[in-house]
Amino acid sequence: MATPDDHKPINSPNTAHLLSADELTYHVGACSLNNRESQKVIYSSFYGYAMAICDRYTSRQEDAVEILNDGFLKVFREIHHYQPAYSDVVSSFKGWVRKIMVYTAIDHFRKYQKHKMVTDMDSVVYQVAAVNESAVDKLSYEEIIRSVQELSPGYRTVFNLFVIDGLSHDEISRQLGISTGTSKSNLSKARRQLQKILFKQNQQEIAKNAV
């Protein structure tokens, strides 16, 4: 059963920025006028933050780059509509960029991956004695991302949207065109698949230390 904490997005540690609030406000305004230099400043300043988001939704670097570039095209296309949602100008803009990158990743999934959703996990029961559900909750952000990138595409997308980006199952079902039951099922399977990945990593670590 999901707890209230399940719906809290996990924040990436890659939250550093290079622009002050005044600088960001200036460059956002200039970007709305299609100023190329300001577009370059925004792109370079938020590249790492945006890439950390895109990386979570795919296991291939080239796909992450495609999502990133498509996302920034949307950022610059829509930036003339942007208004800070709250007083912290930089955090507000980052939240807006994050939302665009997440929904761009969803579009990428719909276009390339939805028909490839892996179902072979349905017929396999993994007995993982050394790793339980609470172990997933205690992982660091970096450990979660490394493990999540190994998930099957359908499971990875639902896990990202629910656990990391904080969408509800109703929202996920609307975005991916699946039922809420399928969203819940895929989240459960994603957690089980993560357990298998963690168990394998744990066994490898034990074997390495035993040498």
N, C-alpha and C. Protein backbone atom coordinates (compact mmCIF):
# COMPACT_ATOMS: atom_id res chain seq x y z
N MET A 1 0.84 -1.19 0.00
CA MET A 1 0.00 0.00 0.00
C MET A 1 0.87 1.24 0.00
N ALA A 2 0.51 2.22 -0.79
CA ALA A 2 1.30 3.44 -0.86
C ALA A 2 1.10 4.26 0.39
N THR A 3 2.15 4.84 0.88
CA THR A 3 2.09 5.74 2.02
C THR A 3 2.18 7.16 1.51
N PRO A 4 1.84 8.17 2.35
CA PRO A 4 1.95 9.56 1.89
C PRO A 4 3.34 9.89 1.37
N ASP A 5 4.38 9.30 1.98
CA ASP A 5 5.73 9.59 1.54
C ASP A 5 6.01 9.08 0.14
N ASP A 6 5.23 8.07 -0.31
CA ASP A 6 5.43 7.52 -1.65
C ASP A 6 5.20 8.59 -2.72
N HIS A 7 4.41 9.61 -2.37
CA HIS A 7 4.04 10.61 -3.37
C HIS A 7 4.94 11.83 -3.33
N LYS A 8 5.96 11.81 -2.46
CA LYS A 8 6.90 12.92 -2.40
C LYS A 8 8.02 12.68 -3.40
N PRO A 9 8.21 13.59 -4.38
CA PRO A 9 9.28 13.38 -5.35
C PRO A 9 10.64 13.39 -4.69
N ILE A 10 11.53 12.55 -5.19
CA ILE A 10 12.90 12.51 -4.71
C ILE A 10 13.70 13.56 -5.47
N ASN A 11 14.34 14.43 -4.75
CA ASN A 11 15.06 15.52 -5.40
C ASN A 11 16.46 15.09 -5.80
N SER A 12 16.83 15.43 -7.01
CA SER A 12 18.19 15.16 -7.47
C SER A 12 19.17 16.03 -6.71
N PRO A 13 20.35 15.49 -6.36
CA PRO A 13 21.35 16.31 -5.70
C PRO A 13 21.96 17.33 -6.64
N ASN A 14 21.70 17.18 -7.94
CA ASN A 14 22.27 18.08 -8.92
C ASN A 14 21.41 19.34 -9.01
N THR A 15 21.45 20.14 -7.92
CA THR A 15 20.59 21.31 -7.86
C THR A 15 21.37 22.61 -7.93
N ALA A 16 22.68 22.53 -8.15
CA ALA A 16 23.48 23.74 -8.23
C ALA A 16 23.12 24.52 -9.49
N HIS A 17 23.19 25.84 -9.40
CA HIS A 17 22.93 26.64 -10.58
C HIS A 17 24.00 27.72 -10.65
N LEU A 18 24.17 28.29 -11.83
CA LEU A 18 25.22 29.26 -12.06
C LEU A 18 24.68 30.68 -12.14
N LEU A 19 23.37 30.85 -12.08
CA LEU A 19 22.77 32.16 -12.28
C LEU A 19 22.10 32.66 -11.00
N SER A 20 22.21 33.96 -10.77
CA SER A 20 21.46 34.59 -9.69
C SER A 20 20.03 34.79 -10.17
N ALA A 21 19.16 35.16 -9.25
CA ALA A 21 17.76 35.41 -9.62
C ALA A 21 17.65 36.52 -10.65
N ASP A 22 18.43 37.58 -10.47
CA ASP A 22 18.38 38.71 -11.42
C ASP A 22 18.91 38.29 -12.78
N GLU A 23 19.99 37.51 -12.79
CA GLU A 23 20.55 37.05 -14.06
C GLU A 23 19.57 36.14 -14.79
N LEU A 24 18.96 35.24 -14.02
CA LEU A 24 18.00 34.32 -14.63
C LEU A 24 16.82 35.09 -15.22
N THR A 25 16.31 36.04 -14.45
CA THR A 25 15.18 36.85 -14.93
C THR A 25 15.53 37.56 -16.23
N TYR A 26 16.75 38.11 -16.29
CA TYR A 26 17.20 38.80 -17.51
C TYR A 26 17.24 37.83 -18.69
N HIS A 27 17.87 36.67 -18.49
CA HIS A 27 18.05 35.74 -19.61
C HIS A 27 16.74 35.10 -20.04
N VAL A 28 15.83 34.88 -19.10
CA VAL A 28 14.51 34.35 -19.46
C VAL A 28 13.80 35.37 -20.36
N GLY A 29 13.88 36.65 -19.97
CA GLY A 29 13.26 37.69 -20.79
C GLY A 29 13.89 37.77 -22.17
N ALA A 30 15.22 37.65 -22.22
CA ALA A 30 15.92 37.71 -23.51
C ALA A 30 15.58 36.50 -24.37
N CYS A 31 15.45 35.33 -23.73
CA CYS A 31 15.09 34.12 -24.48
C CYS A 31 13.69 34.25 -25.09
N SER A 32 12.81 34.95 -24.41
CA SER A 32 11.46 35.13 -24.95
C SER A 32 11.48 35.96 -26.22
N LEU A 33 12.61 36.67 -26.43
CA LEU A 33 12.81 37.45 -27.66
C LEU A 33 13.75 36.72 -28.62
N ASN A 34 13.97 35.43 -28.35
CA ASN A 34 14.81 34.58 -29.20
C ASN A 34 16.27 35.01 -29.24
N ASN A 35 16.76 35.54 -28.14
CA ASN A 35 18.17 35.91 -28.05
C ASN A 35 19.02 34.66 -27.93
N ARG A 36 19.86 34.40 -28.92
CA ARG A 36 20.63 33.15 -28.97
C ARG A 36 21.64 33.04 -27.83
N GLU A 37 22.26 34.16 -27.48
CA GLU A 37 23.26 34.11 -26.41
C GLU A 37 22.61 33.75 -25.08
N SER A 38 21.45 34.30 -24.81
CA SER A 38 20.75 33.96 -23.57
C SER A 38 20.26 32.51 -23.59
N GLN A 39 19.87 32.02 -24.75
CA GLN A 39 19.50 30.61 -24.85
C GLN A 39 20.68 29.72 -24.49
N LYS A 40 21.89 30.10 -24.97
CA LYS A 40 23.08 29.33 -24.65
C LYS A 40 23.36 29.36 -23.15
N VAL A 41 23.15 30.51 -22.52
CA VAL A 41 23.38 30.63 -21.07
C VAL A 41 22.41 29.74 -20.30
N ILE A 42 21.14 29.78 -20.65
CA ILE A 42 20.14 28.95 -19.98
C ILE A 42 20.45 27.47 -20.19
N TYR A 43 20.78 27.11 -21.41
CA TYR A 43 21.09 25.70 -21.73
C TYR A 43 22.27 25.20 -20.91
N SER A 44 23.36 25.96 -20.90
CA SER A 44 24.55 25.51 -20.19
C SER A 44 24.35 25.51 -18.67
N SER A 45 23.58 26.47 -18.17
CA SER A 45 23.37 26.57 -16.73
C SER A 45 22.49 25.45 -16.19
N PHE A 46 21.54 24.99 -16.99
CA PHE A 46 20.59 23.97 -16.53
C PHE A 46 20.79 22.62 -17.21
N TYR A 47 21.88 22.50 -17.97
CA TYR A 47 22.16 21.25 -18.68
C TYR A 47 22.27 20.06 -17.71
N GLY A 48 23.12 20.20 -16.68
CA GLY A 48 23.34 19.10 -15.75
C GLY A 48 22.07 18.71 -15.01
N TYR A 49 21.31 19.70 -14.59
CA TYR A 49 20.06 19.45 -13.87
C TYR A 49 19.07 18.71 -14.77
N ALA A 50 18.93 19.19 -16.01
CA ALA A 50 17.99 18.56 -16.93
C ALA A 50 18.45 17.15 -17.33
N MET A 51 19.75 16.98 -17.55
CA MET A 51 20.25 15.66 -17.94
C MET A 51 20.04 14.63 -16.85
N ALA A 52 20.17 15.04 -15.59
CA ALA A 52 19.93 14.11 -14.48
C ALA A 52 18.50 13.59 -14.51
N ILE A 53 17.57 14.42 -14.94
CA ILE A 53 16.17 14.00 -15.06
C ILE A 53 16.01 13.05 -16.24
N CYS A 54 16.55 13.43 -17.38
CA CYS A 54 16.40 12.62 -18.60
C CYS A 54 17.05 11.26 -18.45
N ASP A 55 18.18 11.20 -17.75
CA ASP A 55 18.89 9.93 -17.55
C ASP A 55 18.02 8.89 -16.87
N ARG A 56 17.15 9.34 -16.01
CA ARG A 56 16.33 8.40 -15.24
C ARG A 56 15.33 7.63 -16.09
N TYR A 57 14.99 8.22 -17.24
CA TYR A 57 13.92 7.64 -18.04
C TYR A 57 14.40 6.73 -19.16
N THR A 58 15.69 6.53 -19.24
CA THR A 58 16.20 5.67 -20.30
C THR A 58 17.50 5.01 -19.87
N SER A 59 17.82 3.91 -20.49
CA SER A 59 19.07 3.22 -20.18
C SER A 59 20.16 3.55 -21.19
N ARG A 60 19.82 4.33 -22.21
CA ARG A 60 20.80 4.65 -23.26
C ARG A 60 21.09 6.14 -23.26
N GLN A 61 22.38 6.48 -23.32
CA GLN A 61 22.79 7.88 -23.29
C GLN A 61 22.22 8.66 -24.47
N GLU A 62 22.19 8.04 -25.65
CA GLU A 62 21.70 8.76 -26.83
C GLU A 62 20.21 9.11 -26.70
N ASP A 63 19.45 8.22 -26.01
CA ASP A 63 18.04 8.53 -25.78
C ASP A 63 17.89 9.67 -24.79
N ALA A 64 18.72 9.68 -23.76
CA ALA A 64 18.68 10.76 -22.77
C ALA A 64 18.99 12.10 -23.43
N VAL A 65 19.98 12.10 -24.32
CA VAL A 65 20.36 13.33 -25.03
C VAL A 65 19.22 13.79 -25.93
N GLU A 66 18.54 12.83 -26.58
CA GLU A 66 17.41 13.19 -27.44
C GLU A 66 16.29 13.82 -26.63
N ILE A 67 15.99 13.23 -25.47
CA ILE A 67 14.96 13.79 -24.59
C ILE A 67 15.37 15.19 -24.14
N LEU A 68 16.63 15.32 -23.75
CA LEU A 68 17.15 16.61 -23.28
C LEU A 68 16.99 17.69 -24.35
N ASN A 69 17.43 17.40 -25.56
CA ASN A 69 17.37 18.40 -26.62
C ASN A 69 15.94 18.74 -27.02
N ASP A 70 15.08 17.72 -27.07
CA ASP A 70 13.67 17.98 -27.35
C ASP A 70 13.06 18.83 -26.24
N GLY A 71 13.46 18.52 -25.00
CA GLY A 71 12.95 19.28 -23.87
C GLY A 71 13.36 20.74 -23.91
N PHE A 72 14.62 21.00 -24.25
CA PHE A 72 15.07 22.39 -24.32
C PHE A 72 14.42 23.14 -25.49
N LEU A 73 14.13 22.43 -26.57
CA LEU A 73 13.39 23.07 -27.66
C LEU A 73 12.03 23.54 -27.16
N LYS A 74 11.38 22.72 -26.33
CA LYS A 74 10.09 23.11 -25.75
C LYS A 74 10.26 24.26 -24.78
N VAL A 75 11.34 24.21 -23.98
CA VAL A 75 11.61 25.30 -23.03
C VAL A 75 11.69 26.64 -23.77
N PHE A 76 12.48 26.68 -24.84
CA PHE A 76 12.67 27.95 -25.55
C PHE A 76 11.44 28.33 -26.38
N ARG A 77 10.68 27.33 -26.78
CA ARG A 77 9.46 27.63 -27.54
C ARG A 77 8.36 28.22 -26.63
N GLU A 78 8.34 27.77 -25.37
CA GLU A 78 7.28 28.18 -24.45
C GLU A 78 7.71 29.22 -23.43
N ILE A 79 8.98 29.65 -23.46
CA ILE A 79 9.51 30.48 -22.39
C ILE A 79 8.83 31.85 -22.32
N HIS A 80 8.25 32.29 -23.43
CA HIS A 80 7.57 33.59 -23.40
C HIS A 80 6.28 33.53 -22.57
N HIS A 81 5.81 32.29 -22.29
CA HIS A 81 4.63 32.12 -21.43
C HIS A 81 5.02 31.94 -19.96
N TYR A 82 6.30 31.73 -19.70
CA TYR A 82 6.73 31.37 -18.34
C TYR A 82 6.56 32.53 -17.36
N GLN A 83 6.00 32.19 -16.19
CA GLN A 83 5.92 33.11 -15.07
C GLN A 83 6.31 32.35 -13.81
N PRO A 84 7.18 32.94 -12.96
CA PRO A 84 7.57 32.25 -11.72
C PRO A 84 6.33 31.88 -10.90
N ALA A 85 6.33 30.66 -10.41
CA ALA A 85 5.18 30.18 -9.63
C ALA A 85 5.24 30.66 -8.19
N TYR A 86 6.44 31.00 -7.72
CA TYR A 86 6.59 31.50 -6.35
C TYR A 86 7.81 32.39 -6.27
N SER A 87 8.10 32.93 -5.08
CA SER A 87 9.09 34.01 -4.94
C SER A 87 10.52 33.58 -5.23
N ASP A 88 10.84 32.31 -5.00
CA ASP A 88 12.18 31.82 -5.31
C ASP A 88 12.29 31.63 -6.82
N VAL A 89 12.87 32.63 -7.47
CA VAL A 89 12.87 32.67 -8.93
C VAL A 89 13.59 31.48 -9.55
N VAL A 90 14.76 31.15 -9.01
CA VAL A 90 15.56 30.06 -9.58
C VAL A 90 14.86 28.72 -9.38
N SER A 91 14.39 28.45 -8.17
CA SER A 91 13.71 27.18 -7.90
C SER A 91 12.44 27.05 -8.73
N SER A 92 11.74 28.15 -8.90
CA SER A 92 10.52 28.13 -9.70
C SER A 92 10.84 27.76 -11.15
N PHE A 93 11.89 28.35 -11.70
CA PHE A 93 12.26 28.04 -13.08
C PHE A 93 12.72 26.60 -13.21
N LYS A 94 13.48 26.12 -12.22
CA LYS A 94 13.93 24.73 -12.25
C LYS A 94 12.74 23.78 -12.22
N GLY A 95 11.73 24.11 -11.42
CA GLY A 95 10.53 23.27 -11.38
C GLY A 95 9.83 23.23 -12.72
N TRP A 96 9.80 24.38 -13.40
CA TRP A 96 9.19 24.45 -14.73
C TRP A 96 9.97 23.61 -15.73
N VAL A 97 11.31 23.73 -15.69
CA VAL A 97 12.16 22.93 -16.58
C VAL A 97 11.98 21.45 -16.29
N ARG A 98 11.94 21.10 -15.01
CA ARG A 98 11.77 19.70 -14.63
C ARG A 98 10.48 19.13 -15.20
N LYS A 99 9.40 19.88 -15.09
CA LYS A 99 8.11 19.41 -15.60
C LYS A 99 8.18 19.17 -17.10
N ILE A 100 8.81 20.09 -17.82
CA ILE A 100 8.93 19.93 -19.28
C ILE A 100 9.77 18.70 -19.62
N MET A 101 10.87 18.48 -18.91
CA MET A 101 11.73 17.33 -19.19
C MET A 101 10.99 16.02 -18.90
N VAL A 102 10.24 15.98 -17.81
CA VAL A 102 9.50 14.76 -17.47
C VAL A 102 8.46 14.44 -18.54
N TYR A 103 7.72 15.45 -18.97
CA TYR A 103 6.69 15.20 -19.97
C TYR A 103 7.28 14.93 -21.36
N THR A 104 8.45 15.46 -21.61
CA THR A 104 9.15 15.11 -22.85
C THR A 104 9.59 13.65 -22.80
N ALA A 105 10.04 13.20 -21.62
CA ALA A 105 10.40 11.79 -21.46
C ALA A 105 9.19 10.89 -21.65
N ILE A 106 8.04 11.33 -21.17
CA ILE A 106 6.81 10.57 -21.37
C ILE A 106 6.50 10.47 -22.87
N ASP A 107 6.63 11.59 -23.58
CA ASP A 107 6.40 11.57 -25.03
C ASP A 107 7.35 10.60 -25.73
N HIS A 108 8.61 10.59 -25.26
CA HIS A 108 9.60 9.68 -25.84
C HIS A 108 9.19 8.24 -25.59
N PHE A 109 8.72 7.95 -24.39
CA PHE A 109 8.27 6.59 -24.06
C PHE A 109 7.11 6.18 -24.95
N ARG A 110 6.15 7.08 -25.10
CA ARG A 110 4.99 6.77 -25.94
C ARG A 110 5.42 6.46 -27.38
N LYS A 111 6.39 7.22 -27.86
CA LYS A 111 6.80 7.09 -29.26
C LYS A 111 7.63 5.84 -29.52
N TYR A 112 8.54 5.52 -28.59
CA TYR A 112 9.51 4.47 -28.87
C TYR A 112 9.38 3.21 -28.03
N GLN A 113 8.85 3.32 -26.83
CA GLN A 113 8.98 2.21 -25.90
C GLN A 113 7.68 1.51 -25.53
N LYS A 114 6.56 2.18 -25.66
CA LYS A 114 5.33 1.60 -25.13
C LYS A 114 5.05 0.21 -25.68
N HIS A 115 5.32 0.00 -26.99
CA HIS A 115 5.06 -1.30 -27.59
C HIS A 115 6.07 -2.35 -27.16
N LYS A 116 7.15 -1.90 -26.48
CA LYS A 116 8.20 -2.83 -26.07
C LYS A 116 8.10 -3.19 -24.58
N MET A 117 7.02 -2.78 -23.93
CA MET A 117 6.93 -3.01 -22.49
C MET A 117 7.13 -4.48 -22.18
N VAL A 118 8.06 -4.76 -21.31
CA VAL A 118 8.45 -6.14 -21.03
C VAL A 118 7.45 -6.78 -20.08
N THR A 119 7.00 -7.99 -20.43
CA THR A 119 6.02 -8.68 -19.60
C THR A 119 6.55 -10.00 -19.06
N ASP A 120 7.79 -10.35 -19.36
CA ASP A 120 8.29 -11.64 -18.90
C ASP A 120 8.43 -11.69 -17.39
N MET A 121 8.44 -10.52 -16.73
CA MET A 121 8.51 -10.53 -15.28
C MET A 121 7.25 -11.13 -14.67
N ASP A 122 6.14 -11.07 -15.41
CA ASP A 122 4.87 -11.55 -14.88
C ASP A 122 4.92 -13.03 -14.49
N SER A 123 5.72 -13.81 -15.19
CA SER A 123 5.73 -15.25 -14.98
C SER A 123 6.87 -15.71 -14.09
N VAL A 124 7.59 -14.75 -13.51
CA VAL A 124 8.74 -15.11 -12.70
C VAL A 124 8.56 -14.59 -11.27
N VAL A 125 8.77 -15.45 -10.31
CA VAL A 125 8.72 -15.04 -8.91
C VAL A 125 10.13 -15.07 -8.36
N TYR A 126 10.61 -13.93 -7.91
CA TYR A 126 11.98 -13.85 -7.39
C TYR A 126 11.96 -13.98 -5.87
N GLN A 127 12.73 -14.92 -5.38
CA GLN A 127 12.89 -15.10 -3.95
C GLN A 127 14.14 -14.37 -3.52
N VAL A 128 13.97 -13.19 -2.96
CA VAL A 128 15.11 -12.37 -2.58
C VAL A 128 15.14 -12.27 -1.06
N ALA A 129 15.93 -13.12 -0.46
CA ALA A 129 15.94 -13.19 0.99
C ALA A 129 16.71 -12.04 1.62
N ALA A 130 17.74 -11.56 0.93
CA ALA A 130 18.63 -10.58 1.56
C ALA A 130 18.18 -9.15 1.38
N VAL A 131 17.19 -8.90 0.50
CA VAL A 131 16.77 -7.54 0.23
C VAL A 131 15.25 -7.46 0.34
N ASN A 132 14.74 -6.52 1.14
CA ASN A 132 13.30 -6.37 1.27
C ASN A 132 12.88 -4.99 0.80
N GLU A 133 11.57 -4.69 0.91
CA GLU A 133 11.04 -3.44 0.40
C GLU A 133 11.71 -2.23 1.04
N SER A 134 11.99 -2.33 2.34
CA SER A 134 12.56 -1.17 3.03
C SER A 134 13.94 -0.83 2.50
N ALA A 135 14.62 -1.80 1.92
CA ALA A 135 15.96 -1.53 1.38
C ALA A 135 15.89 -0.52 0.25
N VAL A 136 14.84 -0.59 -0.57
CA VAL A 136 14.68 0.36 -1.67
C VAL A 136 14.54 1.77 -1.12
N ASP A 137 13.79 1.91 -0.01
CA ASP A 137 13.55 3.23 0.55
C ASP A 137 14.80 3.84 1.16
N LYS A 138 15.80 3.02 1.50
CA LYS A 138 17.00 3.52 2.16
C LYS A 138 18.14 3.82 1.19
N LEU A 139 17.89 3.59 -0.11
CA LEU A 139 18.94 3.82 -1.09
C LEU A 139 19.25 5.31 -1.24
N SER A 140 20.48 5.63 -1.58
CA SER A 140 20.82 7.00 -1.92
C SER A 140 20.26 7.30 -3.30
N TYR A 141 20.21 8.59 -3.65
CA TYR A 141 19.71 8.98 -4.97
C TYR A 141 20.50 8.32 -6.08
N GLU A 142 21.84 8.35 -5.96
CA GLU A 142 22.69 7.78 -7.01
C GLU A 142 22.45 6.28 -7.17
N GLU A 143 22.27 5.58 -6.05
CA GLU A 143 22.02 4.13 -6.11
C GLU A 143 20.68 3.86 -6.75
N ILE A 144 19.68 4.67 -6.43
CA ILE A 144 18.36 4.50 -7.04
C ILE A 144 18.46 4.67 -8.56
N ILE A 145 19.13 5.74 -8.98
CA ILE A 145 19.20 6.02 -10.42
C ILE A 145 19.93 4.92 -11.16
N ARG A 146 21.05 4.46 -10.62
CA ARG A 146 21.79 3.38 -11.29
C ARG A 146 20.93 2.13 -11.43
N SER A 147 20.18 1.82 -10.39
CA SER A 147 19.33 0.63 -10.42
C SER A 147 18.12 0.84 -11.32
N VAL A 148 17.51 2.02 -11.24
CA VAL A 148 16.33 2.31 -12.05
C VAL A 148 16.65 2.21 -13.53
N GLN A 149 17.86 2.62 -13.93
CA GLN A 149 18.23 2.57 -15.35
C GLN A 149 18.29 1.14 -15.87
N GLU A 150 18.36 0.16 -14.98
CA GLU A 150 18.38 -1.24 -15.40
C GLU A 150 16.98 -1.83 -15.52
N LEU A 151 15.96 -1.10 -15.09
CA LEU A 151 14.60 -1.62 -15.17
C LEU A 151 14.11 -1.70 -16.60
N SER A 152 13.14 -2.58 -16.83
CA SER A 152 12.48 -2.64 -18.13
C SER A 152 11.79 -1.30 -18.40
N PRO A 153 11.68 -0.88 -19.67
CA PRO A 153 11.17 0.47 -19.99
C PRO A 153 9.85 0.82 -19.32
N GLY A 154 8.86 -0.05 -19.40
CA GLY A 154 7.56 0.25 -18.81
C GLY A 154 7.62 0.41 -17.31
N TYR A 155 8.37 -0.46 -16.64
CA TYR A 155 8.50 -0.39 -15.19
C TYR A 155 9.29 0.85 -14.79
N ARG A 156 10.36 1.14 -15.54
CA ARG A 156 11.20 2.30 -15.24
C ARG A 156 10.38 3.59 -15.31
N THR A 157 9.54 3.70 -16.34
CA THR A 157 8.76 4.92 -16.51
C THR A 157 7.78 5.13 -15.37
N VAL A 158 7.04 4.09 -15.00
CA VAL A 158 6.08 4.21 -13.91
C VAL A 158 6.78 4.48 -12.59
N PHE A 159 7.89 3.79 -12.34
CA PHE A 159 8.63 4.00 -11.09
C PHE A 159 9.10 5.45 -11.00
N ASN A 160 9.68 5.97 -12.08
CA ASN A 160 10.13 7.36 -12.10
C ASN A 160 8.99 8.33 -11.83
N LEU A 161 7.89 8.15 -12.53
CA LEU A 161 6.78 9.08 -12.41
C LEU A 161 6.17 9.06 -11.02
N PHE A 162 6.02 7.87 -10.44
CA PHE A 162 5.36 7.75 -9.14
C PHE A 162 6.30 8.06 -7.98
N VAL A 163 7.44 7.36 -7.92
CA VAL A 163 8.32 7.46 -6.76
C VAL A 163 9.18 8.71 -6.79
N ILE A 164 9.73 9.04 -7.96
CA ILE A 164 10.70 10.13 -8.02
C ILE A 164 10.05 11.47 -8.37
N ASP A 165 9.11 11.47 -9.32
CA ASP A 165 8.51 12.73 -9.73
C ASP A 165 7.16 13.01 -9.08
N GLY A 166 6.66 12.07 -8.29
CA GLY A 166 5.51 12.35 -7.44
C GLY A 166 4.15 12.38 -8.11
N LEU A 167 4.00 11.80 -9.30
CA LEU A 167 2.68 11.74 -9.93
C LEU A 167 1.84 10.65 -9.28
N SER A 168 0.53 10.84 -9.29
CA SER A 168 -0.38 9.82 -8.79
C SER A 168 -0.61 8.77 -9.86
N HIS A 169 -1.19 7.63 -9.46
CA HIS A 169 -1.48 6.58 -10.45
C HIS A 169 -2.52 7.06 -11.47
N ASP A 170 -3.46 7.91 -11.03
CA ASP A 170 -4.44 8.46 -11.97
C ASP A 170 -3.75 9.32 -13.02
N GLU A 171 -2.80 10.15 -12.58
CA GLU A 171 -2.06 11.00 -13.52
C GLU A 171 -1.22 10.16 -14.47
N ILE A 172 -0.57 9.13 -13.93
CA ILE A 172 0.27 8.26 -14.77
C ILE A 172 -0.58 7.55 -15.82
N SER A 173 -1.74 7.07 -15.41
CA SER A 173 -2.61 6.35 -16.35
C SER A 173 -3.04 7.25 -17.50
N ARG A 174 -3.32 8.52 -17.17
CA ARG A 174 -3.73 9.46 -18.23
C ARG A 174 -2.56 9.77 -19.16
N GLN A 175 -1.38 9.96 -18.58
CA GLN A 175 -0.22 10.33 -19.40
C GLN A 175 0.26 9.19 -20.30
N LEU A 176 0.21 7.97 -19.78
CA LEU A 176 0.74 6.83 -20.54
C LEU A 176 -0.33 6.07 -21.30
N GLY A 177 -1.60 6.42 -21.07
CA GLY A 177 -2.67 5.71 -21.76
C GLY A 177 -2.86 4.29 -21.28
N ILE A 178 -2.65 4.08 -19.97
CA ILE A 178 -2.84 2.77 -19.37
C ILE A 178 -3.85 2.91 -18.22
N SER A 179 -4.33 1.80 -17.71
CA SER A 179 -5.26 1.87 -16.59
C SER A 179 -4.51 2.14 -15.29
N THR A 180 -5.23 2.61 -14.28
CA THR A 180 -4.59 2.83 -12.98
C THR A 180 -4.12 1.50 -12.40
N GLY A 181 -4.87 0.44 -12.69
CA GLY A 181 -4.47 -0.88 -12.22
C GLY A 181 -3.15 -1.31 -12.82
N THR A 182 -2.96 -1.03 -14.12
CA THR A 182 -1.70 -1.36 -14.77
C THR A 182 -0.56 -0.53 -14.18
N SER A 183 -0.83 0.74 -13.90
CA SER A 183 0.19 1.60 -13.29
C SER A 183 0.60 1.03 -11.93
N LYS A 184 -0.35 0.66 -11.11
CA LYS A 184 -0.04 0.10 -9.79
C LYS A 184 0.70 -1.22 -9.93
N SER A 185 0.27 -2.04 -10.88
CA SER A 185 0.92 -3.33 -11.10
C SER A 185 2.37 -3.15 -11.54
N ASN A 186 2.58 -2.22 -12.47
CA ASN A 186 3.94 -1.99 -12.96
C ASN A 186 4.85 -1.42 -11.88
N LEU A 187 4.29 -0.60 -11.00
CA LEU A 187 5.09 -0.09 -9.88
C LEU A 187 5.51 -1.23 -8.96
N SER A 188 4.58 -2.13 -8.68
CA SER A 188 4.89 -3.28 -7.83
C SER A 188 5.95 -4.16 -8.47
N LYS A 189 5.82 -4.39 -9.77
CA LYS A 189 6.80 -5.20 -10.49
C LYS A 189 8.15 -4.50 -10.57
N ALA A 190 8.12 -3.17 -10.71
CA ALA A 190 9.37 -2.41 -10.73
C ALA A 190 10.11 -2.58 -9.41
N ARG A 191 9.38 -2.53 -8.30
CA ARG A 191 10.00 -2.71 -6.99
C ARG A 191 10.60 -4.11 -6.87
N ARG A 192 9.89 -5.10 -7.37
CA ARG A 192 10.41 -6.47 -7.31
C ARG A 192 11.65 -6.60 -8.19
N GLN A 193 11.61 -5.99 -9.35
CA GLN A 193 12.77 -6.06 -10.24
C GLN A 193 13.96 -5.34 -9.61
N LEU A 194 13.70 -4.22 -8.91
CA LEU A 194 14.76 -3.53 -8.20
C LEU A 194 15.36 -4.42 -7.11
N GLN A 195 14.52 -5.17 -6.45
CA GLN A 195 15.01 -6.10 -5.43
C GLN A 195 15.96 -7.11 -6.05
N LYS A 196 15.59 -7.62 -7.22
CA LYS A 196 16.45 -8.58 -7.90
C LYS A 196 17.80 -7.94 -8.26
N ILE A 197 17.73 -6.70 -8.78
CA ILE A 197 18.96 -5.99 -9.14
C ILE A 197 19.83 -5.76 -7.91
N LEU A 198 19.20 -5.35 -6.82
CA LEU A 198 19.95 -5.09 -5.58
C LEU A 198 20.55 -6.36 -5.01
N PHE A 199 19.79 -7.44 -5.09
CA PHE A 199 20.30 -8.72 -4.59
C PHE A 199 21.52 -9.16 -5.39
N LYS A 200 21.46 -8.99 -6.71
CA LYS A 200 22.58 -9.35 -7.57
C LYS A 200 23.80 -8.49 -7.23
N GLN A 201 23.57 -7.19 -7.04
CA GLN A 201 24.67 -6.29 -6.69
C GLN A 201 25.28 -6.67 -5.35
N ASN A 202 24.41 -7.04 -4.40
CA ASN A 202 24.87 -7.44 -3.08
C ASN A 202 25.72 -8.70 -3.15
N GLN A 203 25.29 -9.67 -3.96
CA GLN A 203 26.04 -10.91 -4.11
C GLN A 203 27.40 -10.66 -4.77
N GLN A 204 27.42 -9.76 -5.75
CA GLN A 204 28.67 -9.43 -6.42
C GLN A 204 29.64 -8.76 -5.46
N GLU A 205 29.10 -7.89 -4.59
CA GLU A 205 29.94 -7.20 -3.62
C GLU A 205 30.54 -8.19 -2.61
N ILE A 206 29.70 -9.14 -2.17
CA ILE A 206 30.16 -10.16 -1.24
C ILE A 206 31.27 -11.00 -1.88
N ALA A 207 31.05 -11.40 -3.16
CA ALA A 207 32.05 -12.21 -3.86
C ALA A 207 33.36 -11.45 -4.04
N LYS A 208 33.25 -10.14 -4.34
CA LYS A 208 34.45 -9.33 -4.55
C LYS A 208 35.25 -9.20 -3.25
N ASN A 209 34.55 -9.00 -2.15
CA ASN A 209 35.23 -8.83 -0.87
C ASN A 209 35.82 -10.13 -0.35
N ALA A 210 35.29 -11.26 -0.86
CA ALA A 210 35.77 -12.56 -0.40
C ALA A 210 37.07 -12.96 -1.08
N VAL A 211 37.38 -12.29 -2.20
CA VAL A 211 38.60 -12.63 -2.95
C VAL A 211 39.83 -12.14 -2.22
